Amino acid sequence: MAVTYIKRYRMELRLDRLPAELRQPQPQPAEFEVLPWTPRLLNQHAEVKWASFRDEIDVHVFPCLGERDGCRRLMREISSRNDFVPEATWLASRTRPPDASLRPKSLPTAIGTIQGLKVSAREGAIQNLGVHPDFRDVGVGRALLVAALNGFAEVDCRYVHLEVTVQNTAAIRLYERFGFHRVETLYKISEVQFA
């Protein structure tokens, strides 16, 4: 094991600068839908969070993301906080079975998750936007982000921020398309085992 620093960006968005076409719920492909937070979906949020992050570099910064039980504990902790924002917490779920010739039948029903916290009277924080690896690049992350940002607007947030690992270039591009900009570079200490 070696101690290393993992570079992350803190990115911020002023909600009043969100492009008008993104201020309303977006049409989604027929393959999935976004579902608002309800406690009965906690385990599905945790399961897709684990599937989304278990093989990613973020596990070195947040080890709980690499464990099913760790993701369940994390979802329980987030959803029980006083600053939890149910309106900014969404689950993406398949709406129809995949074509058996294209994908294995064992894919999860839950395919993406996002959670929100209200860290001050006017500022929200996005937590753990994750998309199952088999459903990336089809609009799931975009749909979750739109739903969360509209949820933050409902609770009168003016700003929203998030952190993203620098190596996650696809996520950074998505956030930049929404108008997020980098406001700080952070370094998280991690113990990484090199093969």
N, C-alpha and C. Protein backbone atom coordinates (compact mmCIF):
# COMPACT_ATOMS: atom_id res chain seq x y z
N MET A 1 0.84 -1.18 0.00
CA MET A 1 0.00 0.00 0.00
C MET A 1 0.89 1.24 0.00
N ALA A 2 0.41 2.23 -0.70
CA ALA A 2 1.12 3.50 -0.76
C ALA A 2 0.12 4.62 -0.48
N VAL A 3 0.57 5.62 0.25
CA VAL A 3 -0.26 6.79 0.48
C VAL A 3 -0.13 7.68 -0.75
N THR A 4 -1.25 8.10 -1.27
CA THR A 4 -1.25 8.98 -2.44
C THR A 4 -2.32 10.04 -2.26
N TYR A 5 -2.26 11.03 -3.11
CA TYR A 5 -3.27 12.08 -3.10
C TYR A 5 -4.09 11.98 -4.37
N ILE A 6 -5.38 12.00 -4.22
CA ILE A 6 -6.28 11.94 -5.37
C ILE A 6 -6.85 13.33 -5.59
N LYS A 7 -6.63 13.82 -6.80
CA LYS A 7 -7.04 15.18 -7.15
C LYS A 7 -8.52 15.21 -7.50
N ARG A 8 -9.23 16.18 -6.90
CA ARG A 8 -10.66 16.34 -7.14
C ARG A 8 -10.95 17.82 -7.37
N TYR A 9 -11.99 18.07 -8.14
CA TYR A 9 -12.46 19.45 -8.32
C TYR A 9 -13.72 19.66 -7.52
N ARG A 10 -13.81 20.81 -6.93
CA ARG A 10 -15.09 21.28 -6.39
C ARG A 10 -15.66 22.17 -7.50
N MET A 11 -16.88 21.86 -7.92
CA MET A 11 -17.52 22.61 -9.00
C MET A 11 -18.81 23.22 -8.47
N GLU A 12 -19.17 24.37 -9.03
CA GLU A 12 -20.33 25.10 -8.53
C GLU A 12 -21.18 25.60 -9.70
N LEU A 13 -22.46 25.73 -9.44
CA LEU A 13 -23.42 26.23 -10.43
C LEU A 13 -24.36 27.20 -9.74
N ARG A 14 -24.59 28.34 -10.37
CA ARG A 14 -25.68 29.23 -9.93
C ARG A 14 -26.92 28.77 -10.66
N LEU A 15 -27.94 28.40 -9.91
CA LEU A 15 -29.14 27.84 -10.53
C LEU A 15 -29.83 28.82 -11.46
N ASP A 16 -29.71 30.11 -11.21
CA ASP A 16 -30.34 31.07 -12.12
C ASP A 16 -29.60 31.17 -13.45
N ARG A 17 -28.44 30.55 -13.54
CA ARG A 17 -27.69 30.51 -14.80
C ARG A 17 -27.86 29.19 -15.54
N LEU A 18 -28.67 28.30 -14.99
CA LEU A 18 -28.97 27.04 -15.66
C LEU A 18 -29.73 27.35 -16.94
N PRO A 19 -29.30 26.80 -18.07
CA PRO A 19 -30.02 27.07 -19.32
C PRO A 19 -31.51 26.75 -19.19
N ALA A 20 -32.34 27.59 -19.80
CA ALA A 20 -33.80 27.47 -19.68
C ALA A 20 -34.29 26.09 -20.06
N GLU A 21 -33.69 25.47 -21.08
CA GLU A 21 -34.17 24.16 -21.52
C GLU A 21 -33.90 23.07 -20.48
N LEU A 22 -33.06 23.36 -19.49
CA LEU A 22 -32.77 22.37 -18.45
C LEU A 22 -33.53 22.65 -17.15
N ARG A 23 -34.32 23.70 -17.12
CA ARG A 23 -35.03 24.05 -15.89
C ARG A 23 -36.31 23.25 -15.70
N GLN A 24 -36.69 22.48 -16.67
CA GLN A 24 -37.90 21.67 -16.58
C GLN A 24 -37.51 20.21 -16.74
N PRO A 25 -38.31 19.30 -16.20
CA PRO A 25 -38.03 17.88 -16.41
C PRO A 25 -37.89 17.59 -17.90
N GLN A 26 -36.94 16.75 -18.22
CA GLN A 26 -36.61 16.45 -19.60
C GLN A 26 -37.29 15.17 -20.07
N PRO A 27 -37.63 15.09 -21.35
CA PRO A 27 -38.11 13.80 -21.86
C PRO A 27 -37.00 12.77 -21.73
N GLN A 28 -37.39 11.56 -21.41
CA GLN A 28 -36.41 10.51 -21.21
C GLN A 28 -36.64 9.38 -22.19
N PRO A 29 -35.57 8.66 -22.48
CA PRO A 29 -35.76 7.47 -23.31
C PRO A 29 -36.74 6.51 -22.66
N ALA A 30 -37.42 5.72 -23.44
CA ALA A 30 -38.43 4.79 -22.92
C ALA A 30 -37.83 3.71 -22.03
N GLU A 31 -36.51 3.53 -22.07
CA GLU A 31 -35.87 2.45 -21.32
C GLU A 31 -35.79 2.72 -19.82
N PHE A 32 -35.91 3.99 -19.39
CA PHE A 32 -35.80 4.28 -17.96
C PHE A 32 -36.66 5.46 -17.56
N GLU A 33 -36.87 5.56 -16.24
CA GLU A 33 -37.59 6.69 -15.66
C GLU A 33 -36.86 7.12 -14.41
N VAL A 34 -37.07 8.37 -13.99
CA VAL A 34 -36.49 8.82 -12.73
C VAL A 34 -37.60 8.89 -11.70
N LEU A 35 -37.31 8.32 -10.53
CA LEU A 35 -38.30 8.21 -9.46
C LEU A 35 -37.88 9.09 -8.30
N PRO A 36 -38.82 9.84 -7.73
CA PRO A 36 -38.49 10.69 -6.58
C PRO A 36 -38.17 9.85 -5.35
N TRP A 37 -37.48 10.48 -4.41
CA TRP A 37 -37.09 9.80 -3.17
C TRP A 37 -38.30 9.32 -2.39
N THR A 38 -38.17 8.13 -1.90
CA THR A 38 -39.05 7.58 -0.88
C THR A 38 -38.19 6.59 -0.10
N PRO A 39 -38.37 6.49 1.21
CA PRO A 39 -37.54 5.58 2.01
C PRO A 39 -37.59 4.13 1.52
N ARG A 40 -38.70 3.72 0.89
CA ARG A 40 -38.76 2.32 0.43
C ARG A 40 -37.77 2.04 -0.71
N LEU A 41 -37.20 3.09 -1.32
CA LEU A 41 -36.22 2.91 -2.40
C LEU A 41 -34.77 2.95 -1.89
N LEU A 42 -34.59 3.07 -0.56
CA LEU A 42 -33.24 3.20 -0.01
C LEU A 42 -32.31 2.08 -0.47
N ASN A 43 -32.76 0.84 -0.39
CA ASN A 43 -31.89 -0.28 -0.78
C ASN A 43 -31.55 -0.26 -2.27
N GLN A 44 -32.48 0.18 -3.11
CA GLN A 44 -32.18 0.28 -4.54
C GLN A 44 -31.15 1.38 -4.79
N HIS A 45 -31.27 2.52 -4.08
CA HIS A 45 -30.25 3.56 -4.18
C HIS A 45 -28.88 3.00 -3.80
N ALA A 46 -28.84 2.29 -2.68
CA ALA A 46 -27.57 1.74 -2.19
C ALA A 46 -26.99 0.72 -3.17
N GLU A 47 -27.82 -0.13 -3.71
CA GLU A 47 -27.33 -1.18 -4.62
C GLU A 47 -26.74 -0.57 -5.89
N VAL A 48 -27.42 0.40 -6.47
CA VAL A 48 -26.89 0.99 -7.71
C VAL A 48 -25.70 1.90 -7.41
N LYS A 49 -25.66 2.49 -6.23
CA LYS A 49 -24.48 3.27 -5.83
C LYS A 49 -23.26 2.35 -5.79
N TRP A 50 -23.42 1.17 -5.18
CA TRP A 50 -22.32 0.20 -5.12
C TRP A 50 -21.92 -0.25 -6.52
N ALA A 51 -22.88 -0.58 -7.37
CA ALA A 51 -22.57 -1.02 -8.73
C ALA A 51 -21.88 0.08 -9.54
N SER A 52 -22.24 1.32 -9.27
CA SER A 52 -21.69 2.45 -10.01
C SER A 52 -20.26 2.78 -9.61
N PHE A 53 -19.93 2.63 -8.33
CA PHE A 53 -18.65 3.11 -7.83
C PHE A 53 -17.64 2.02 -7.49
N ARG A 54 -18.05 0.77 -7.37
CA ARG A 54 -17.17 -0.27 -6.82
C ARG A 54 -15.87 -0.45 -7.60
N ASP A 55 -15.85 -0.16 -8.90
CA ASP A 55 -14.63 -0.32 -9.70
C ASP A 55 -14.02 1.02 -10.10
N GLU A 56 -14.42 2.09 -9.43
CA GLU A 56 -13.95 3.43 -9.79
C GLU A 56 -12.91 3.91 -8.78
N ILE A 57 -12.14 4.91 -9.17
CA ILE A 57 -11.09 5.46 -8.31
C ILE A 57 -11.66 6.06 -7.03
N ASP A 58 -12.92 6.49 -7.05
CA ASP A 58 -13.54 7.09 -5.87
C ASP A 58 -13.53 6.15 -4.67
N VAL A 59 -13.46 4.86 -4.90
CA VAL A 59 -13.43 3.88 -3.81
C VAL A 59 -12.18 4.09 -2.95
N HIS A 60 -11.10 4.59 -3.55
CA HIS A 60 -9.88 4.84 -2.77
C HIS A 60 -10.03 6.03 -1.84
N VAL A 61 -10.91 6.95 -2.18
CA VAL A 61 -11.17 8.12 -1.34
C VAL A 61 -12.27 7.82 -0.34
N PHE A 62 -13.29 7.10 -0.80
CA PHE A 62 -14.46 6.77 0.03
C PHE A 62 -14.64 5.25 0.00
N PRO A 63 -13.92 4.51 0.83
CA PRO A 63 -13.96 3.05 0.79
C PRO A 63 -15.36 2.45 0.92
N CYS A 64 -16.28 3.13 1.61
CA CYS A 64 -17.63 2.58 1.77
C CYS A 64 -18.31 2.37 0.42
N LEU A 65 -17.92 3.12 -0.62
CA LEU A 65 -18.54 2.97 -1.94
C LEU A 65 -18.18 1.63 -2.59
N GLY A 66 -17.18 0.97 -2.09
CA GLY A 66 -16.77 -0.32 -2.64
C GLY A 66 -17.41 -1.51 -1.96
N GLU A 67 -18.30 -1.25 -1.00
CA GLU A 67 -18.95 -2.32 -0.26
C GLU A 67 -20.46 -2.14 -0.26
N ARG A 68 -21.18 -3.22 -0.50
CA ARG A 68 -22.65 -3.13 -0.48
C ARG A 68 -23.15 -2.59 0.85
N ASP A 69 -22.67 -3.16 1.95
CA ASP A 69 -23.11 -2.72 3.27
C ASP A 69 -22.70 -1.27 3.52
N GLY A 70 -21.53 -0.88 3.02
CA GLY A 70 -21.08 0.49 3.16
C GLY A 70 -22.00 1.46 2.44
N CYS A 71 -22.47 1.08 1.27
CA CYS A 71 -23.40 1.93 0.52
C CYS A 71 -24.76 2.01 1.21
N ARG A 72 -25.21 0.91 1.82
CA ARG A 72 -26.46 0.95 2.58
C ARG A 72 -26.33 1.89 3.79
N ARG A 73 -25.20 1.76 4.51
CA ARG A 73 -24.97 2.64 5.66
C ARG A 73 -24.93 4.10 5.20
N LEU A 74 -24.23 4.35 4.10
CA LEU A 74 -24.12 5.72 3.59
C LEU A 74 -25.49 6.28 3.22
N MET A 75 -26.32 5.49 2.54
CA MET A 75 -27.67 5.97 2.19
C MET A 75 -28.51 6.23 3.44
N ARG A 76 -28.40 5.36 4.44
CA ARG A 76 -29.14 5.60 5.69
C ARG A 76 -28.67 6.89 6.36
N GLU A 77 -27.34 7.10 6.37
CA GLU A 77 -26.79 8.31 6.99
C GLU A 77 -27.24 9.56 6.24
N ILE A 78 -27.12 9.55 4.91
CA ILE A 78 -27.50 10.72 4.11
C ILE A 78 -28.98 11.02 4.31
N SER A 79 -29.83 10.01 4.19
CA SER A 79 -31.28 10.24 4.23
C SER A 79 -31.80 10.58 5.63
N SER A 80 -31.00 10.36 6.67
CA SER A 80 -31.45 10.69 8.02
C SER A 80 -30.89 12.03 8.50
N ARG A 81 -30.08 12.68 7.70
CA ARG A 81 -29.52 13.97 8.09
C ARG A 81 -30.60 15.06 8.07
N ASN A 82 -30.44 16.06 8.92
CA ASN A 82 -31.38 17.17 8.96
C ASN A 82 -31.34 17.99 7.68
N ASP A 83 -30.19 17.99 6.99
CA ASP A 83 -30.06 18.79 5.77
C ASP A 83 -30.32 17.97 4.49
N PHE A 84 -30.86 16.77 4.63
CA PHE A 84 -31.21 15.93 3.48
C PHE A 84 -32.31 16.62 2.67
N VAL A 85 -32.17 16.58 1.34
CA VAL A 85 -33.16 17.20 0.45
C VAL A 85 -33.83 16.11 -0.38
N PRO A 86 -34.98 15.61 0.05
CA PRO A 86 -35.67 14.57 -0.73
C PRO A 86 -35.98 15.03 -2.16
N GLU A 87 -36.27 16.32 -2.35
CA GLU A 87 -36.61 16.84 -3.67
C GLU A 87 -35.44 16.77 -4.65
N ALA A 88 -34.21 16.64 -4.13
CA ALA A 88 -33.02 16.57 -4.98
C ALA A 88 -32.43 15.16 -4.99
N THR A 89 -33.20 14.18 -4.55
CA THR A 89 -32.74 12.80 -4.46
C THR A 89 -33.62 11.93 -5.36
N TRP A 90 -32.99 11.29 -6.33
CA TRP A 90 -33.73 10.56 -7.38
C TRP A 90 -33.07 9.23 -7.69
N LEU A 91 -33.88 8.32 -8.17
CA LEU A 91 -33.41 6.99 -8.59
C LEU A 91 -33.82 6.79 -10.05
N ALA A 92 -32.89 6.38 -10.88
CA ALA A 92 -33.23 6.01 -12.26
C ALA A 92 -33.46 4.50 -12.28
N SER A 93 -34.53 4.10 -12.94
CA SER A 93 -34.92 2.69 -12.97
C SER A 93 -35.32 2.30 -14.38
N ARG A 94 -35.00 1.05 -14.75
CA ARG A 94 -35.43 0.55 -16.06
C ARG A 94 -36.95 0.47 -16.09
N THR A 95 -37.52 0.77 -17.24
CA THR A 95 -38.97 0.67 -17.37
C THR A 95 -39.40 -0.54 -18.17
N ARG A 96 -38.46 -1.17 -18.86
CA ARG A 96 -38.80 -2.38 -19.60
C ARG A 96 -37.57 -3.28 -19.63
N PRO A 97 -37.78 -4.56 -19.78
CA PRO A 97 -36.64 -5.47 -19.80
C PRO A 97 -35.75 -5.18 -21.01
N PRO A 98 -34.45 -5.33 -20.84
CA PRO A 98 -33.56 -5.11 -21.98
C PRO A 98 -33.72 -6.21 -23.02
N ASP A 99 -33.33 -5.92 -24.22
CA ASP A 99 -33.30 -6.91 -25.29
C ASP A 99 -32.28 -7.98 -24.88
N ALA A 100 -32.74 -9.19 -24.74
CA ALA A 100 -31.88 -10.29 -24.26
C ALA A 100 -30.64 -10.47 -25.13
N SER A 101 -30.72 -10.12 -26.38
CA SER A 101 -29.56 -10.30 -27.25
C SER A 101 -28.51 -9.22 -27.02
N LEU A 102 -28.89 -8.13 -26.35
CA LEU A 102 -27.96 -7.02 -26.15
C LEU A 102 -27.35 -6.99 -24.77
N ARG A 103 -28.11 -7.37 -23.74
CA ARG A 103 -27.64 -7.27 -22.36
C ARG A 103 -28.03 -8.52 -21.58
N PRO A 104 -27.22 -8.87 -20.58
CA PRO A 104 -27.59 -10.01 -19.74
C PRO A 104 -28.87 -9.72 -18.96
N LYS A 105 -29.62 -10.77 -18.65
CA LYS A 105 -30.90 -10.62 -17.95
C LYS A 105 -30.72 -10.24 -16.49
N SER A 106 -29.51 -10.34 -15.96
CA SER A 106 -29.30 -10.10 -14.54
C SER A 106 -29.08 -8.62 -14.19
N LEU A 107 -29.28 -7.74 -15.14
CA LEU A 107 -29.06 -6.32 -14.84
C LEU A 107 -30.06 -5.83 -13.80
N PRO A 108 -29.62 -4.87 -12.97
CA PRO A 108 -30.51 -4.39 -11.91
C PRO A 108 -31.63 -3.54 -12.46
N THR A 109 -32.71 -3.46 -11.69
CA THR A 109 -33.79 -2.54 -12.03
C THR A 109 -33.31 -1.11 -11.86
N ALA A 110 -32.64 -0.82 -10.74
CA ALA A 110 -32.09 0.51 -10.50
C ALA A 110 -30.84 0.69 -11.34
N ILE A 111 -30.76 1.81 -12.06
CA ILE A 111 -29.62 2.03 -12.96
C ILE A 111 -28.87 3.33 -12.67
N GLY A 112 -29.37 4.15 -11.74
CA GLY A 112 -28.68 5.39 -11.40
C GLY A 112 -29.25 6.00 -10.14
N THR A 113 -28.43 6.84 -9.49
CA THR A 113 -28.84 7.46 -8.24
C THR A 113 -28.17 8.82 -8.09
N ILE A 114 -28.84 9.70 -7.38
CA ILE A 114 -28.28 10.99 -7.00
C ILE A 114 -28.95 11.40 -5.70
N GLN A 115 -28.18 12.06 -4.81
CA GLN A 115 -28.74 12.54 -3.56
C GLN A 115 -28.36 14.00 -3.37
N GLY A 116 -29.17 14.71 -2.56
CA GLY A 116 -28.90 16.11 -2.31
C GLY A 116 -28.96 16.47 -0.84
N LEU A 117 -28.10 17.41 -0.45
CA LEU A 117 -28.09 17.98 0.88
C LEU A 117 -28.20 19.50 0.74
N LYS A 118 -28.78 20.15 1.72
CA LYS A 118 -28.84 21.62 1.74
C LYS A 118 -27.87 22.08 2.82
N VAL A 119 -26.71 22.56 2.39
CA VAL A 119 -25.63 22.86 3.32
C VAL A 119 -25.70 24.26 3.92
N SER A 120 -26.54 25.11 3.35
CA SER A 120 -26.82 26.43 3.93
C SER A 120 -28.18 26.86 3.40
N ALA A 121 -28.64 28.01 3.82
CA ALA A 121 -29.98 28.46 3.44
C ALA A 121 -30.15 28.54 1.93
N ARG A 122 -29.08 28.82 1.19
CA ARG A 122 -29.20 29.02 -0.26
C ARG A 122 -28.29 28.10 -1.08
N GLU A 123 -27.66 27.10 -0.44
CA GLU A 123 -26.72 26.27 -1.17
C GLU A 123 -26.98 24.78 -0.98
N GLY A 124 -27.04 24.07 -2.10
CA GLY A 124 -27.21 22.63 -2.09
C GLY A 124 -25.91 21.93 -2.46
N ALA A 125 -25.81 20.67 -2.07
CA ALA A 125 -24.63 19.86 -2.38
C ALA A 125 -25.10 18.53 -2.98
N ILE A 126 -24.61 18.25 -4.16
CA ILE A 126 -24.91 16.97 -4.81
C ILE A 126 -24.01 15.91 -4.21
N GLN A 127 -24.61 14.78 -3.87
CA GLN A 127 -23.89 13.65 -3.32
C GLN A 127 -24.00 12.46 -4.26
N ASN A 128 -22.91 11.88 -4.63
CA ASN A 128 -22.89 10.56 -5.27
C ASN A 128 -23.79 10.39 -6.47
N LEU A 129 -23.61 11.18 -7.51
CA LEU A 129 -24.28 10.89 -8.77
C LEU A 129 -23.59 9.67 -9.36
N GLY A 130 -24.32 8.56 -9.44
CA GLY A 130 -23.75 7.33 -9.95
C GLY A 130 -24.67 6.68 -10.95
N VAL A 131 -24.07 6.13 -12.02
CA VAL A 131 -24.82 5.42 -13.05
C VAL A 131 -24.19 4.05 -13.24
N HIS A 132 -25.03 3.02 -13.24
CA HIS A 132 -24.56 1.65 -13.45
C HIS A 132 -23.73 1.61 -14.74
N PRO A 133 -22.57 0.94 -14.73
CA PRO A 133 -21.69 0.92 -15.91
C PRO A 133 -22.38 0.48 -17.21
N ASP A 134 -23.37 -0.40 -17.12
CA ASP A 134 -24.05 -0.86 -18.34
C ASP A 134 -25.03 0.15 -18.91
N PHE A 135 -25.23 1.27 -18.21
CA PHE A 135 -26.21 2.26 -18.67
C PHE A 135 -25.61 3.65 -18.80
N ARG A 136 -24.29 3.72 -18.93
CA ARG A 136 -23.65 5.02 -19.11
C ARG A 136 -23.76 5.45 -20.57
N ASP A 137 -23.71 6.75 -20.77
CA ASP A 137 -23.75 7.36 -22.11
C ASP A 137 -25.09 7.19 -22.82
N VAL A 138 -26.18 7.04 -22.07
CA VAL A 138 -27.51 6.99 -22.70
C VAL A 138 -28.45 8.03 -22.10
N GLY A 139 -27.92 8.96 -21.29
CA GLY A 139 -28.74 10.04 -20.75
C GLY A 139 -29.21 9.87 -19.33
N VAL A 140 -28.81 8.80 -18.66
CA VAL A 140 -29.26 8.57 -17.29
C VAL A 140 -28.70 9.63 -16.35
N GLY A 141 -27.40 9.89 -16.43
CA GLY A 141 -26.78 10.90 -15.57
C GLY A 141 -27.38 12.27 -15.80
N ARG A 142 -27.61 12.60 -17.04
CA ARG A 142 -28.20 13.90 -17.40
C ARG A 142 -29.61 14.03 -16.79
N ALA A 143 -30.43 12.99 -16.93
CA ALA A 143 -31.79 13.02 -16.38
C ALA A 143 -31.78 13.16 -14.86
N LEU A 144 -30.89 12.44 -14.19
CA LEU A 144 -30.79 12.55 -12.74
C LEU A 144 -30.34 13.94 -12.32
N LEU A 145 -29.38 14.50 -13.04
CA LEU A 145 -28.88 15.82 -12.70
C LEU A 145 -29.96 16.89 -12.88
N VAL A 146 -30.72 16.82 -13.97
CA VAL A 146 -31.83 17.76 -14.19
C VAL A 146 -32.83 17.66 -13.05
N ALA A 147 -33.22 16.45 -12.68
CA ALA A 147 -34.20 16.26 -11.62
C ALA A 147 -33.68 16.83 -10.29
N ALA A 148 -32.41 16.56 -9.98
CA ALA A 148 -31.84 17.05 -8.72
C ALA A 148 -31.76 18.58 -8.71
N LEU A 149 -31.31 19.18 -9.80
CA LEU A 149 -31.20 20.64 -9.85
C LEU A 149 -32.56 21.30 -9.71
N ASN A 150 -33.57 20.74 -10.35
CA ASN A 150 -34.92 21.28 -10.18
C ASN A 150 -35.41 21.10 -8.74
N GLY A 151 -35.02 20.00 -8.10
CA GLY A 151 -35.37 19.79 -6.69
C GLY A 151 -34.70 20.82 -5.79
N PHE A 152 -33.44 21.13 -6.06
CA PHE A 152 -32.77 22.17 -5.28
C PHE A 152 -33.46 23.52 -5.47
N ALA A 153 -33.88 23.82 -6.69
CA ALA A 153 -34.59 25.08 -6.95
C ALA A 153 -35.90 25.13 -6.15
N GLU A 154 -36.59 23.99 -6.04
CA GLU A 154 -37.85 23.93 -5.27
C GLU A 154 -37.66 24.32 -3.81
N VAL A 155 -36.48 24.03 -3.25
CA VAL A 155 -36.24 24.35 -1.84
C VAL A 155 -35.42 25.63 -1.71
N ASP A 156 -35.48 26.46 -2.75
CA ASP A 156 -34.90 27.81 -2.74
C ASP A 156 -33.38 27.87 -2.67
N CYS A 157 -32.70 26.87 -3.20
CA CYS A 157 -31.25 26.97 -3.30
C CYS A 157 -30.91 27.90 -4.47
N ARG A 158 -29.89 28.68 -4.28
CA ARG A 158 -29.42 29.55 -5.35
C ARG A 158 -28.17 28.96 -6.01
N TYR A 159 -27.38 28.24 -5.22
CA TYR A 159 -26.15 27.62 -5.70
C TYR A 159 -26.20 26.13 -5.43
N VAL A 160 -25.49 25.38 -6.24
CA VAL A 160 -25.31 23.94 -6.02
C VAL A 160 -23.84 23.65 -6.28
N HIS A 161 -23.26 22.82 -5.42
CA HIS A 161 -21.87 22.41 -5.65
C HIS A 161 -21.75 20.90 -5.56
N LEU A 162 -20.63 20.40 -6.04
CA LEU A 162 -20.32 18.98 -6.00
C LEU A 162 -18.81 18.83 -6.05
N GLU A 163 -18.35 17.62 -5.77
CA GLU A 163 -16.94 17.28 -5.96
C GLU A 163 -16.86 16.13 -6.94
N VAL A 164 -15.81 16.15 -7.76
CA VAL A 164 -15.62 15.11 -8.76
C VAL A 164 -14.12 14.82 -8.88
N THR A 165 -13.79 13.55 -9.00
CA THR A 165 -12.41 13.14 -9.19
C THR A 165 -11.95 13.54 -10.60
N VAL A 166 -10.77 14.10 -10.70
CA VAL A 166 -10.27 14.65 -11.96
C VAL A 166 -10.26 13.59 -13.08
N GLN A 167 -9.99 12.34 -12.76
CA GLN A 167 -9.95 11.29 -13.77
C GLN A 167 -11.33 11.00 -14.37
N ASN A 168 -12.39 11.44 -13.74
CA ASN A 168 -13.74 11.18 -14.23
C ASN A 168 -14.12 12.25 -15.26
N THR A 169 -13.46 12.18 -16.40
CA THR A 169 -13.63 13.22 -17.43
C THR A 169 -15.04 13.26 -18.01
N ALA A 170 -15.70 12.12 -18.11
CA ALA A 170 -17.07 12.11 -18.64
C ALA A 170 -18.00 12.90 -17.72
N ALA A 171 -17.86 12.72 -16.41
CA ALA A 171 -18.69 13.46 -15.46
C ALA A 171 -18.37 14.95 -15.52
N ILE A 172 -17.10 15.29 -15.60
CA ILE A 172 -16.72 16.70 -15.67
C ILE A 172 -17.33 17.36 -16.91
N ARG A 173 -17.28 16.67 -18.04
CA ARG A 173 -17.89 17.22 -19.27
C ARG A 173 -19.39 17.43 -19.08
N LEU A 174 -20.08 16.47 -18.45
CA LEU A 174 -21.51 16.62 -18.19
C LEU A 174 -21.76 17.85 -17.33
N TYR A 175 -21.03 17.99 -16.24
CA TYR A 175 -21.24 19.12 -15.34
C TYR A 175 -20.96 20.45 -16.04
N GLU A 176 -19.92 20.48 -16.86
CA GLU A 176 -19.61 21.72 -17.58
C GLU A 176 -20.70 22.08 -18.58
N ARG A 177 -21.32 21.08 -19.22
CA ARG A 177 -22.43 21.36 -20.14
C ARG A 177 -23.61 22.00 -19.41
N PHE A 178 -23.75 21.70 -18.13
CA PHE A 178 -24.82 22.29 -17.33
C PHE A 178 -24.45 23.68 -16.81
N GLY A 179 -23.20 24.06 -16.96
CA GLY A 179 -22.77 25.37 -16.49
C GLY A 179 -21.97 25.35 -15.20
N PHE A 180 -21.69 24.17 -14.65
CA PHE A 180 -20.83 24.09 -13.48
C PHE A 180 -19.43 24.58 -13.87
N HIS A 181 -18.77 25.25 -12.95
CA HIS A 181 -17.39 25.66 -13.18
C HIS A 181 -16.55 25.29 -11.96
N ARG A 182 -15.28 25.10 -12.19
CA ARG A 182 -14.37 24.72 -11.12
C ARG A 182 -14.10 25.92 -10.23
N VAL A 183 -14.25 25.71 -8.93
CA VAL A 183 -13.98 26.78 -7.98
C VAL A 183 -12.82 26.45 -7.04
N GLU A 184 -12.43 25.18 -6.99
CA GLU A 184 -11.36 24.78 -6.08
C GLU A 184 -10.82 23.42 -6.50
N THR A 185 -9.52 23.24 -6.30
CA THR A 185 -8.90 21.93 -6.50
C THR A 185 -8.57 21.38 -5.12
N LEU A 186 -9.01 20.14 -4.88
CA LEU A 186 -8.81 19.49 -3.59
C LEU A 186 -7.95 18.26 -3.78
N TYR A 187 -7.25 17.87 -2.74
CA TYR A 187 -6.47 16.64 -2.75
C TYR A 187 -6.89 15.81 -1.56
N LYS A 188 -7.38 14.60 -1.84
CA LYS A 188 -7.82 13.70 -0.79
C LYS A 188 -6.74 12.64 -0.58
N ILE A 189 -6.38 12.40 0.66
CA ILE A 189 -5.40 11.37 0.98
C ILE A 189 -6.04 10.01 0.87
N SER A 190 -5.29 9.08 0.28
CA SER A 190 -5.81 7.73 0.09
C SER A 190 -4.68 6.73 0.15
N GLU A 191 -5.02 5.54 0.62
CA GLU A 191 -4.07 4.42 0.55
C GLU A 191 -4.49 3.57 -0.64
N VAL A 192 -3.60 3.48 -1.61
CA VAL A 192 -3.89 2.76 -2.84
C VAL A 192 -2.93 1.58 -2.94
N GLN A 193 -3.49 0.43 -3.27
CA GLN A 193 -2.67 -0.75 -3.48
C GLN A 193 -2.40 -0.89 -4.97
N PHE A 194 -1.14 -0.86 -5.34
CA PHE A 194 -0.77 -0.98 -6.74
C PHE A 194 -0.44 -2.43 -7.06
N ALA A 195 -0.89 -2.88 -8.22
CA ALA A 195 -0.65 -4.28 -8.61
C ALA A 195 0.75 -4.44 -9.18
